[in-house]
Amino acid sequence: MDLEVCVLASGSSGNSIYIASPKTRILIDAGLSAKQVALRLEQIGVVPESINGICVSHEHSDHVGGIRVLQKRHGTPVYTNAGTLNGIRRQPKGSEIAVQIFQTGSPFTIGDIRVEPFSVPHDAYEPVGFRLQAGSFCVGVVTDLGMSTSLIQQKLKGCNAIVLESNHDEDLLREAPRPWSLKQRIRSRQGHLSNIDAARLIAECATEHLEHVFLAHLSSDCNTPDTALRTVASQLRLDGLGHINLEVTGAAGISTIWRPVGR
C-alpha cells in the first residue's frame, strides 16, 4: 500500500499538504482560501469532494483560513484536538466549523491511513505534528516548531518522506528590519526552526527509509529557496546523508507529487 504527498502551499500566506493512499485522501491544514485549495487539488487531479478529512496542526490563520468554507462547500470532515478547537472557536465564524476531536498522542484512523498526532513546541494552544502510515509506508509532517525534541525525533524516525519547517536563515533574521521582540519570538523554543536546525533534525531522525524531505514554511524576508536548500544540503552531506532528496516548497505553486521510489 503506497502513500503519496504533495505540498499544495507552504508559508505565512497559507499552508496545506495533500497525503493519500489508494483509498483515502487527507489534507494537513487548509490555510489558503477554499477556492485556492480546490484549484490546487484539481491541478493534481483530485476532486475536492473526495477529501476524507482535514487534520489541523494548530489554529493560526495560515493553517485554518480555508477550513470553514471548504467544509461548507464540500462537507469535508475536520479533525483537531481540544486545544486547537478552543483557538478556532475564538476566531470569527470559528463556531460554524464542525470538528471531530482527537487526543494528542493517541493514533486514529481516517479510511486506511493511521494518523498519529504528537506534541510540538510552538506558540499555539495545542500544536501538533503528524505521523501518517498506510501499510509499510510512513510520512511525517512538522511545519511549525521552535526546536527539536526527542519525541519529534522518535515520531519522524522510519518515515519515507518528511515535510519539515526550514523557516529562516539565522544571519538574514538577525539583519532583517523586524522588531527585536518578533525576532526573539521566532528564535524562541516556541517559534520557528532555522535552516541549520532543520538539517540537524533531519540528521537526528533519518534512517535508511528516508527518501525525500520537503523544506516548508520558508520566511519570505528572512530566507530564500536557494539559501535553505544550500544550507540543509551542505549539512546533510557532512552527516553522510547527501543521498536524501530535498525539495523547497512555497506559496506560489504546488510541489512535485512524491511517491516511494520504484512505485
C-alpha atoms as a PDB file:
ATOM      1  CA  MET A   1       0.000   0.000   0.000  1.00  0.00           C
ATOM      2  CA  ASP A   2       1.510   3.317  -1.099  1.00  0.00           C
ATOM      3  CA  LEU A   3       1.329   6.888   0.148  1.00  0.00           C
ATOM      4  CA  GLU A   4       1.746   9.991  -1.969  1.00  0.00           C
ATOM      5  CA  VAL A   5       2.440  13.542  -0.832  1.00  0.00           C
ATOM      6  CA  CYS A   6       2.011  16.943  -2.461  1.00  0.00           C
ATOM      7  CA  VAL A   7       2.561  20.252  -0.680  1.00  0.00           C
ATOM      8  CA  LEU A   8      -0.194  22.456  -2.092  1.00  0.00           C
ATOM      9  CA  ALA A   9       1.188  25.574  -0.395  1.00  0.00           C
ATOM     10  CA  SER A  10       3.595  26.465   2.369  1.00  0.00           C
ATOM     11  CA  GLY A  11       4.472  29.732   4.079  1.00  0.00           C
ATOM     12  CA  SER A  12       2.976  32.530   6.135  1.00  0.00           C
ATOM     13  CA  SER A  13       0.335  33.194   3.460  1.00  0.00           C
ATOM     14  CA  GLY A  14      -1.088  29.692   3.696  1.00  0.00           C
ATOM     15  CA  ASN A  15      -0.264  26.034   4.289  1.00  0.00           C
ATOM     16  CA  SER A  16      -1.879  22.842   3.033  1.00  0.00           C
ATOM     17  CA  ILE A  17      -0.482  19.361   2.407  1.00  0.00           C
ATOM     18  CA  TYR A  18      -2.175  16.560   0.480  1.00  0.00           C
ATOM     19  CA  ILE A  19      -1.444  12.984   1.596  1.00  0.00           C
ATOM     20  CA  ALA A  20      -3.183   9.989   0.072  1.00  0.00           C
ATOM     21  CA  SER A  21      -3.291   6.223  -0.112  1.00  0.00           C
ATOM     22  CA  PRO A  22      -5.079   4.450  -2.961  1.00  0.00           C
ATOM     23  CA  LYS A  23      -8.310   4.586  -0.917  1.00  0.00           C
ATOM     24  CA  THR A  24      -8.033   7.652   1.342  1.00  0.00           C
ATOM     25  CA  ARG A  25      -7.271  11.331   0.793  1.00  0.00           C
ATOM     26  CA  ILE A  26      -6.291  13.702   3.607  1.00  0.00           C
ATOM     27  CA  LEU A  27      -5.279  17.325   3.918  1.00  0.00           C
ATOM     28  CA  ILE A  28      -2.992  18.511   6.682  1.00  0.00           C
ATOM     29  CA  ASP A  29      -4.230  22.073   7.262  1.00  0.00           C
ATOM     30  CA  ALA A  30      -6.008  24.362   4.804  1.00  0.00           C
ATOM     31  CA  GLY A  31      -4.685  27.874   5.305  1.00  0.00           C
ATOM     32  CA  LEU A  32      -5.299  29.073   1.764  1.00  0.00           C
ATOM     33  CA  SER A  33      -8.722  30.231   0.651  1.00  0.00           C
ATOM     34  CA  ALA A  34     -11.113  27.389  -0.077  1.00  0.00           C
ATOM     35  CA  LYS A  35     -11.035  28.404  -3.740  1.00  0.00           C
ATOM     36  CA  GLN A  36      -7.238  28.129  -3.893  1.00  0.00           C
ATOM     37  CA  VAL A  37      -7.205  24.778  -2.100  1.00  0.00           C
ATOM     38  CA  ALA A  38      -9.768  23.439  -4.569  1.00  0.00           C
ATOM     39  CA  LEU A  39      -7.854  24.803  -7.568  1.00  0.00           C
ATOM     40  CA  ARG A  40      -4.588  23.262  -6.415  1.00  0.00           C
ATOM     41  CA  LEU A  41      -6.230  19.919  -5.728  1.00  0.00           C
ATOM     42  CA  GLU A  42      -7.685  19.987  -9.224  1.00  0.00           C
ATOM     43  CA  GLN A  43      -4.181  20.632 -10.616  1.00  0.00           C
ATOM     44  CA  ILE A  44      -3.172  17.188  -9.349  1.00  0.00           C
ATOM     45  CA  GLY A  45      -6.401  15.554 -10.487  1.00  0.00           C
ATOM     46  CA  VAL A  46      -8.153  15.472  -7.122  1.00  0.00           C
ATOM     47  CA  VAL A  47     -11.807  16.440  -6.727  1.00  0.00           C
ATOM     48  CA  PRO A  48     -12.268  18.487  -3.505  1.00  0.00           C
ATOM     49  CA  GLU A  49     -15.336  16.439  -2.535  1.00  0.00           C
ATOM     50  CA  SER A  50     -13.138  13.328  -2.413  1.00  0.00           C
ATOM     51  CA  ILE A  51     -11.088  14.570   0.555  1.00  0.00           C
ATOM     52  CA  ASN A  52     -11.835  12.293   3.515  1.00  0.00           C
ATOM     53  CA  GLY A  53     -10.624  14.662   6.206  1.00  0.00           C
ATOM     54  CA  ILE A  54      -8.622  17.751   7.140  1.00  0.00           C
ATOM     55  CA  CYS A  55      -6.252  17.264  10.088  1.00  0.00           C
ATOM     56  CA  VAL A  56      -5.404  20.567  11.774  1.00  0.00           C
ATOM     57  CA  SER A  57      -1.951  21.136  13.267  1.00  0.00           C
ATOM     58  CA  HIS A  58      -2.842  24.355  15.115  1.00  0.00           C
ATOM     59  CA  GLU A  59      -5.213  27.296  14.947  1.00  0.00           C
ATOM     60  CA  HIS A  60      -3.104  30.011  13.286  1.00  0.00           C
ATOM     61  CA  SER A  61      -4.854  31.546  10.299  1.00  0.00           C
ATOM     62  CA  ASP A  62      -2.234  30.413   7.781  1.00  0.00           C
ATOM     63  CA  HIS A  63      -3.226  26.850   8.670  1.00  0.00           C
ATOM     64  CA  VAL A  64      -7.009  27.103   9.091  1.00  0.00           C
ATOM     65  CA  GLY A  65      -8.077  30.050   6.911  1.00  0.00           C
ATOM     66  CA  GLY A  66      -9.938  27.976   4.315  1.00  0.00           C
ATOM     67  CA  ILE A  67     -11.375  25.238   6.510  1.00  0.00           C
ATOM     68  CA  ARG A  68     -14.818  26.697   7.237  1.00  0.00           C
ATOM     69  CA  VAL A  69     -15.657  27.344   3.588  1.00  0.00           C
ATOM     70  CA  LEU A  70     -14.189  24.017   2.440  1.00  0.00           C
ATOM     71  CA  GLN A  71     -16.404  22.215   4.905  1.00  0.00           C
ATOM     72  CA  LYS A  72     -19.442  24.281   3.941  1.00  0.00           C
ATOM     73  CA  ARG A  73     -18.949  23.684   0.200  1.00  0.00           C
ATOM     74  CA  HIS A  74     -17.702  20.115   0.178  1.00  0.00           C
ATOM     75  CA  GLY A  75     -18.772  18.602   3.515  1.00  0.00           C
ATOM     76  CA  THR A  76     -15.174  17.812   4.445  1.00  0.00           C
ATOM     77  CA  PRO A  77     -14.692  16.335   7.952  1.00  0.00           C
ATOM     78  CA  VAL A  78     -12.287  18.299  10.167  1.00  0.00           C
ATOM     79  CA  TYR A  79     -10.123  16.679  12.849  1.00  0.00           C
ATOM     80  CA  THR A  80      -8.494  18.665  15.641  1.00  0.00           C
ATOM     81  CA  ASN A  81      -7.590  18.417  19.308  1.00  0.00           C
ATOM     82  CA  ALA A  82      -9.392  20.286  22.085  1.00  0.00           C
ATOM     83  CA  GLY A  83      -6.773  22.990  22.469  1.00  0.00           C
ATOM     84  CA  THR A  84      -6.749  23.864  18.786  1.00  0.00           C
ATOM     85  CA  LEU A  85     -10.546  23.806  18.724  1.00  0.00           C
ATOM     86  CA  ASN A  86     -10.519  26.343  21.552  1.00  0.00           C
ATOM     87  CA  GLY A  87      -8.314  28.586  19.423  1.00  0.00           C
ATOM     88  CA  ILE A  88     -10.522  28.147  16.358  1.00  0.00           C
ATOM     89  CA  ARG A  89     -13.666  28.963  18.326  1.00  0.00           C
ATOM     90  CA  ARG A  90     -12.164  32.340  19.250  1.00  0.00           C
ATOM     91  CA  GLN A  91     -11.871  33.307  15.584  1.00  0.00           C
ATOM     92  CA  PRO A  92     -14.621  34.970  13.516  1.00  0.00           C
ATOM     93  CA  LYS A  93     -17.158  32.308  12.476  1.00  0.00           C
ATOM     94  CA  GLY A  94     -14.991  29.634  14.090  1.00  0.00           C
ATOM     95  CA  SER A  95     -18.041  28.271  15.875  1.00  0.00           C
ATOM     96  CA  GLU A  96     -19.503  27.290  12.489  1.00  0.00           C
ATOM     97  CA  ILE A  97     -16.867  24.597  11.929  1.00  0.00           C
ATOM     98  CA  ALA A  98     -17.932  21.081  12.935  1.00  0.00           C
ATOM     99  CA  VAL A  99     -14.997  19.052  14.215  1.00  0.00           C
ATOM    100  CA  GLN A 100     -14.102  15.576  15.340  1.00  0.00           C
ATOM    101  CA  ILE A 101     -11.782  15.662  18.348  1.00  0.00           C
ATOM    102  CA  PHE A 102      -8.598  13.626  18.555  1.00  0.00           C
ATOM    103  CA  GLN A 103      -6.320  13.270  21.570  1.00  0.00           C
ATOM    104  CA  THR A 104      -2.721  14.375  21.123  1.00  0.00           C
ATOM    105  CA  GLY A 105      -0.562  11.264  21.391  1.00  0.00           C
ATOM    106  CA  SER A 106      -3.391   8.864  20.511  1.00  0.00           C
ATOM    107  CA  PRO A 107      -3.486   7.463  16.970  1.00  0.00           C
ATOM    108  CA  PHE A 108      -6.740   7.410  15.000  1.00  0.00           C
ATOM    109  CA  THR A 109      -7.675   6.307  11.503  1.00  0.00           C
ATOM    110  CA  ILE A 110      -9.163   8.042   8.502  1.00  0.00           C
ATOM    111  CA  GLY A 111     -10.014   5.348   5.985  1.00  0.00           C
ATOM    112  CA  ASP A 112      -6.926   3.157   5.678  1.00  0.00           C
ATOM    113  CA  ILE A 113      -4.466   5.808   6.904  1.00  0.00           C
ATOM    114  CA  ARG A 114      -3.286   5.703  10.501  1.00  0.00           C
ATOM    115  CA  VAL A 115      -2.808   9.241  11.828  1.00  0.00           C
ATOM    116  CA  GLU A 116      -0.668   9.818  14.909  1.00  0.00           C
ATOM    117  CA  PRO A 117      -0.670  13.387  16.287  1.00  0.00           C
ATOM    118  CA  PHE A 118       2.221  14.324  18.561  1.00  0.00           C
ATOM    119  CA  SER A 119       3.068  17.425  20.536  1.00  0.00           C
ATOM    120  CA  VAL A 120       5.434  20.058  19.118  1.00  0.00           C
ATOM    121  CA  PRO A 121       6.747  23.288  20.709  1.00  0.00           C
ATOM    122  CA  HIS A 122       5.087  26.318  19.090  1.00  0.00           C
ATOM    123  CA  ASP A 123       3.206  29.395  20.280  1.00  0.00           C
ATOM    124  CA  ALA A 124      -0.299  28.000  19.830  1.00  0.00           C
ATOM    125  CA  TYR A 125      -2.919  26.373  22.093  1.00  0.00           C
ATOM    126  CA  GLU A 126      -2.051  22.697  21.476  1.00  0.00           C
ATOM    127  CA  PRO A 127       0.128  22.395  18.357  1.00  0.00           C
ATOM    128  CA  VAL A 128       0.909  19.020  16.855  1.00  0.00           C
ATOM    129  CA  GLY A 129       2.860  17.306  14.140  1.00  0.00           C
ATOM    130  CA  PHE A 130       1.596  14.188  12.394  1.00  0.00           C
ATOM    131  CA  ARG A 131       2.916  10.760  11.515  1.00  0.00           C
ATOM    132  CA  LEU A 132       0.763   9.136   8.828  1.00  0.00           C
ATOM    133  CA  GLN A 133       1.068   5.490   7.858  1.00  0.00           C
ATOM    134  CA  ALA A 134      -0.551   3.219   5.286  1.00  0.00           C
ATOM    135  CA  GLY A 135       0.802  -0.301   5.085  1.00  0.00           C
ATOM    136  CA  SER A 136       4.586  -0.161   5.320  1.00  0.00           C
ATOM    137  CA  PHE A 137       4.899   3.468   4.180  1.00  0.00           C
ATOM    138  CA  CYS A 138       5.071   6.441   6.517  1.00  0.00           C
ATOM    139  CA  VAL A 139       5.113  10.242   6.174  1.00  0.00           C
ATOM    140  CA  GLY A 140       5.937  12.834   8.850  1.00  0.00           C
ATOM    141  CA  VAL A 141       4.659  16.415   8.914  1.00  0.00           C
ATOM    142  CA  VAL A 142       6.092  19.101  11.217  1.00  0.00           C
ATOM    143  CA  THR A 143       5.678  22.589   9.784  1.00  0.00           C
ATOM    144  CA  ASP A 144       5.759  24.913  12.830  1.00  0.00           C
ATOM    145  CA  LEU A 145       8.138  24.264  15.711  1.00  0.00           C
ATOM    146  CA  GLY A 146      10.687  26.180  17.712  1.00  0.00           C
ATOM    147  CA  MET A 147      13.052  23.323  18.465  1.00  0.00           C
ATOM    148  CA  SER A 148      13.677  19.629  18.023  1.00  0.00           C
ATOM    149  CA  THR A 149      12.645  17.301  20.841  1.00  0.00           C
ATOM    150  CA  SER A 150      13.280  13.628  21.494  1.00  0.00           C
ATOM    151  CA  LEU A 151       9.571  12.970  20.881  1.00  0.00           C
ATOM    152  CA  ILE A 152       9.678  14.625  17.459  1.00  0.00           C
ATOM    153  CA  GLN A 153      12.822  12.684  16.538  1.00  0.00           C
ATOM    154  CA  GLN A 154      11.148   9.453  17.619  1.00  0.00           C
ATOM    155  CA  LYS A 155       8.000  10.107  15.589  1.00  0.00           C
ATOM    156  CA  LEU A 156       9.925  11.032  12.430  1.00  0.00           C
ATOM    157  CA  LYS A 157      12.231   8.005  12.568  1.00  0.00           C
ATOM    158  CA  GLY A 158      11.388   5.452   9.922  1.00  0.00           C
ATOM    159  CA  CYS A 159       9.461   7.874   7.722  1.00  0.00           C
ATOM    160  CA  ASN A 160       9.880   7.585   3.953  1.00  0.00           C
ATOM    161  CA  ALA A 161       9.143  11.277   3.428  1.00  0.00           C
ATOM    162  CA  ILE A 162       9.024  14.285   5.748  1.00  0.00           C
ATOM    163  CA  VAL A 163       7.516  17.747   5.407  1.00  0.00           C
ATOM    164  CA  LEU A 164       9.642  19.896   7.728  1.00  0.00           C
ATOM    165  CA  GLU A 165       9.863  23.571   8.544  1.00  0.00           C
ATOM    166  CA  SER A 166      13.014  25.362   7.377  1.00  0.00           C
ATOM    167  CA  ASN A 167      11.834  28.838   8.248  1.00  0.00           C
ATOM    168  CA  HIS A 168      14.767  31.214   8.376  1.00  0.00           C
ATOM    169  CA  ASP A 169      18.440  31.814   7.852  1.00  0.00           C
ATOM    170  CA  GLU A 170      19.943  32.957  11.141  1.00  0.00           C
ATOM    171  CA  ASP A 171      22.006  35.751   9.561  1.00  0.00           C
ATOM    172  CA  LEU A 172      19.117  37.063   7.461  1.00  0.00           C
ATOM    173  CA  LEU A 173      16.848  37.061  10.511  1.00  0.00           C
ATOM    174  CA  ARG A 174      19.441  38.967  12.529  1.00  0.00           C
ATOM    175  CA  GLU A 175      19.746  41.623   9.815  1.00  0.00           C
ATOM    176  CA  ALA A 176      16.050  41.849   8.938  1.00  0.00           C
ATOM    177  CA  PRO A 177      14.202  45.147   9.607  1.00  0.00           C
ATOM    178  CA  ARG A 178      11.896  43.479  12.118  1.00  0.00           C
ATOM    179  CA  PRO A 179      11.143  44.425  15.730  1.00  0.00           C
ATOM    180  CA  TRP A 180      13.527  42.846  18.216  1.00  0.00           C
ATOM    181  CA  SER A 181      10.580  41.257  20.043  1.00  0.00           C
ATOM    182  CA  LEU A 182       9.450  39.483  16.867  1.00  0.00           C
ATOM    183  CA  LYS A 183      12.956  38.202  16.182  1.00  0.00           C
ATOM    184  CA  GLN A 184      13.109  36.832  19.708  1.00  0.00           C
ATOM    185  CA  ARG A 185       9.743  35.098  19.288  1.00  0.00           C
ATOM    186  CA  ILE A 186      10.900  33.467  16.051  1.00  0.00           C
ATOM    187  CA  ARG A 187      14.149  32.279  17.686  1.00  0.00           C
ATOM    188  CA  SER A 188      12.396  31.029  20.827  1.00  0.00           C
ATOM    189  CA  ARG A 189      11.631  27.427  21.717  1.00  0.00           C
ATOM    190  CA  GLN A 190       8.012  28.103  20.712  1.00  0.00           C
ATOM    191  CA  GLY A 191       8.969  29.885  17.492  1.00  0.00           C
ATOM    192  CA  HIS A 192      10.245  28.607  14.154  1.00  0.00           C
ATOM    193  CA  LEU A 193      13.051  26.306  13.038  1.00  0.00           C
ATOM    194  CA  SER A 194      16.089  27.731  11.240  1.00  0.00           C
ATOM    195  CA  ASN A 195      17.649  26.117   8.183  1.00  0.00           C
ATOM    196  CA  ILE A 196      20.559  24.688  10.129  1.00  0.00           C
ATOM    197  CA  ASP A 197      18.253  23.380  12.856  1.00  0.00           C
ATOM    198  CA  ALA A 198      16.107  21.712  10.194  1.00  0.00           C
ATOM    199  CA  ALA A 199      19.202  19.987   8.822  1.00  0.00           C
ATOM    200  CA  ARG A 200      20.192  18.795  12.284  1.00  0.00           C
ATOM    201  CA  LEU A 201      16.710  17.413  12.928  1.00  0.00           C
ATOM    202  CA  ILE A 202      16.786  15.526   9.622  1.00  0.00           C
ATOM    203  CA  ALA A 203      20.136  14.013  10.606  1.00  0.00           C
ATOM    204  CA  GLU A 204      18.775  13.042  14.022  1.00  0.00           C
ATOM    205  CA  CYS A 205      15.771  11.171  12.635  1.00  0.00           C
ATOM    206  CA  ALA A 206      16.978   9.860   9.266  1.00  0.00           C
ATOM    207  CA  THR A 207      17.018   6.113   8.702  1.00  0.00           C
ATOM    208  CA  GLU A 208      17.638   4.096   5.557  1.00  0.00           C
ATOM    209  CA  HIS A 209      13.933   4.523   4.741  1.00  0.00           C
ATOM    210  CA  LEU A 210      14.055   8.315   4.337  1.00  0.00           C
ATOM    211  CA  GLU A 211      13.928   9.264   0.650  1.00  0.00           C
ATOM    212  CA  HIS A 212      12.537  12.784   0.391  1.00  0.00           C
ATOM    213  CA  VAL A 213      12.277  15.904   2.558  1.00  0.00           C
ATOM    214  CA  PHE A 214      10.076  18.865   1.667  1.00  0.00           C
ATOM    215  CA  LEU A 215      11.515  22.051   3.192  1.00  0.00           C
ATOM    216  CA  ALA A 216       8.495  24.076   4.266  1.00  0.00           C
ATOM    217  CA  HIS A 217       7.285  27.336   5.762  1.00  0.00           C
ATOM    218  CA  LEU A 218      10.178  29.458   4.449  1.00  0.00           C
ATOM    219  CA  SER A 219      10.138  33.079   5.585  1.00  0.00           C
ATOM    220  CA  SER A 220       9.652  35.498   2.699  1.00  0.00           C
ATOM    221  CA  ASP A 221      12.159  38.047   4.033  1.00  0.00           C
ATOM    222  CA  CYS A 222      14.466  36.013   6.297  1.00  0.00           C
ATOM    223  CA  ASN A 223      15.156  33.145   3.916  1.00  0.00           C
ATOM    224  CA  THR A 224      15.376  32.261   0.246  1.00  0.00           C
ATOM    225  CA  PRO A 225      14.812  28.921  -1.501  1.00  0.00           C
ATOM    226  CA  ASP A 226      18.480  28.810  -2.549  1.00  0.00           C
ATOM    227  CA  THR A 227      19.704  29.598   0.968  1.00  0.00           C
ATOM    228  CA  ALA A 228      17.511  26.952   2.576  1.00  0.00           C
ATOM    229  CA  LEU A 229      18.452  24.288   0.054  1.00  0.00           C
ATOM    230  CA  ARG A 230      22.173  25.096   0.171  1.00  0.00           C
ATOM    231  CA  THR A 231      22.330  25.173   3.981  1.00  0.00           C
ATOM    232  CA  VAL A 232      20.406  21.957   4.550  1.00  0.00           C
ATOM    233  CA  ALA A 233      22.115  20.060   1.726  1.00  0.00           C
ATOM    234  CA  SER A 234      25.581  21.105   2.900  1.00  0.00           C
ATOM    235  CA  GLN A 235      24.933  19.941   6.459  1.00  0.00           C
ATOM    236  CA  LEU A 236      23.422  16.643   5.307  1.00  0.00           C
ATOM    237  CA  ARG A 237      26.468  15.941   3.144  1.00  0.00           C
ATOM    238  CA  LEU A 238      28.678  16.457   6.182  1.00  0.00           C
ATOM    239  CA  ASP A 239      26.487  13.956   8.025  1.00  0.00           C
ATOM    240  CA  GLY A 240      26.767  11.402   5.226  1.00  0.00           C
ATOM    241  CA  LEU A 241      23.157  11.927   4.163  1.00  0.00           C
ATOM    242  CA  GLY A 242      23.662  13.622   0.823  1.00  0.00           C
ATOM    243  CA  HIS A 243      21.531  10.967  -0.902  1.00  0.00           C
ATOM    244  CA  ILE A 244      18.289  12.318   0.605  1.00  0.00           C
ATOM    245  CA  ASN A 245      16.246  14.271  -1.935  1.00  0.00           C
ATOM    246  CA  LEU A 246      15.451  17.823  -0.822  1.00  0.00           C
ATOM    247  CA  GLU A 247      12.670  19.962  -2.259  1.00  0.00           C
ATOM    248  CA  VAL A 248      11.864  23.547  -1.307  1.00  0.00           C
ATOM    249  CA  THR A 249       8.157  24.374  -1.141  1.00  0.00           C
ATOM    250  CA  GLY A 250       6.415  27.740  -1.171  1.00  0.00           C
ATOM    251  CA  ALA A 251       3.205  29.699  -1.526  1.00  0.00           C
ATOM    252  CA  ALA A 252       3.234  30.316  -5.274  1.00  0.00           C
ATOM    253  CA  GLY A 253       2.631  26.798  -6.522  1.00  0.00           C
ATOM    254  CA  ILE A 254       2.378  23.134  -5.690  1.00  0.00           C
ATOM    255  CA  SER A 255       5.303  20.787  -5.121  1.00  0.00           C
ATOM    256  CA  THR A 256       6.040  17.629  -7.014  1.00  0.00           C
ATOM    257  CA  ILE A 257       3.973  14.608  -6.059  1.00  0.00           C
ATOM    258  CA  TRP A 258       6.204  12.318  -4.021  1.00  0.00           C
ATOM    259  CA  ARG A 259       5.708   8.571  -4.201  1.00  0.00           C
ATOM    260  CA  PRO A 260       8.023   5.889  -2.789  1.00  0.00           C
ATOM    261  CA  VAL A 261      10.941   5.009  -5.063  1.00  0.00           C
ATOM    262  CA  GLY A 262      10.032   2.327  -7.565  1.00  0.00           C
ATOM    263  CA  ARG A 263       6.307   2.824  -7.128  1.00  0.00           C
END
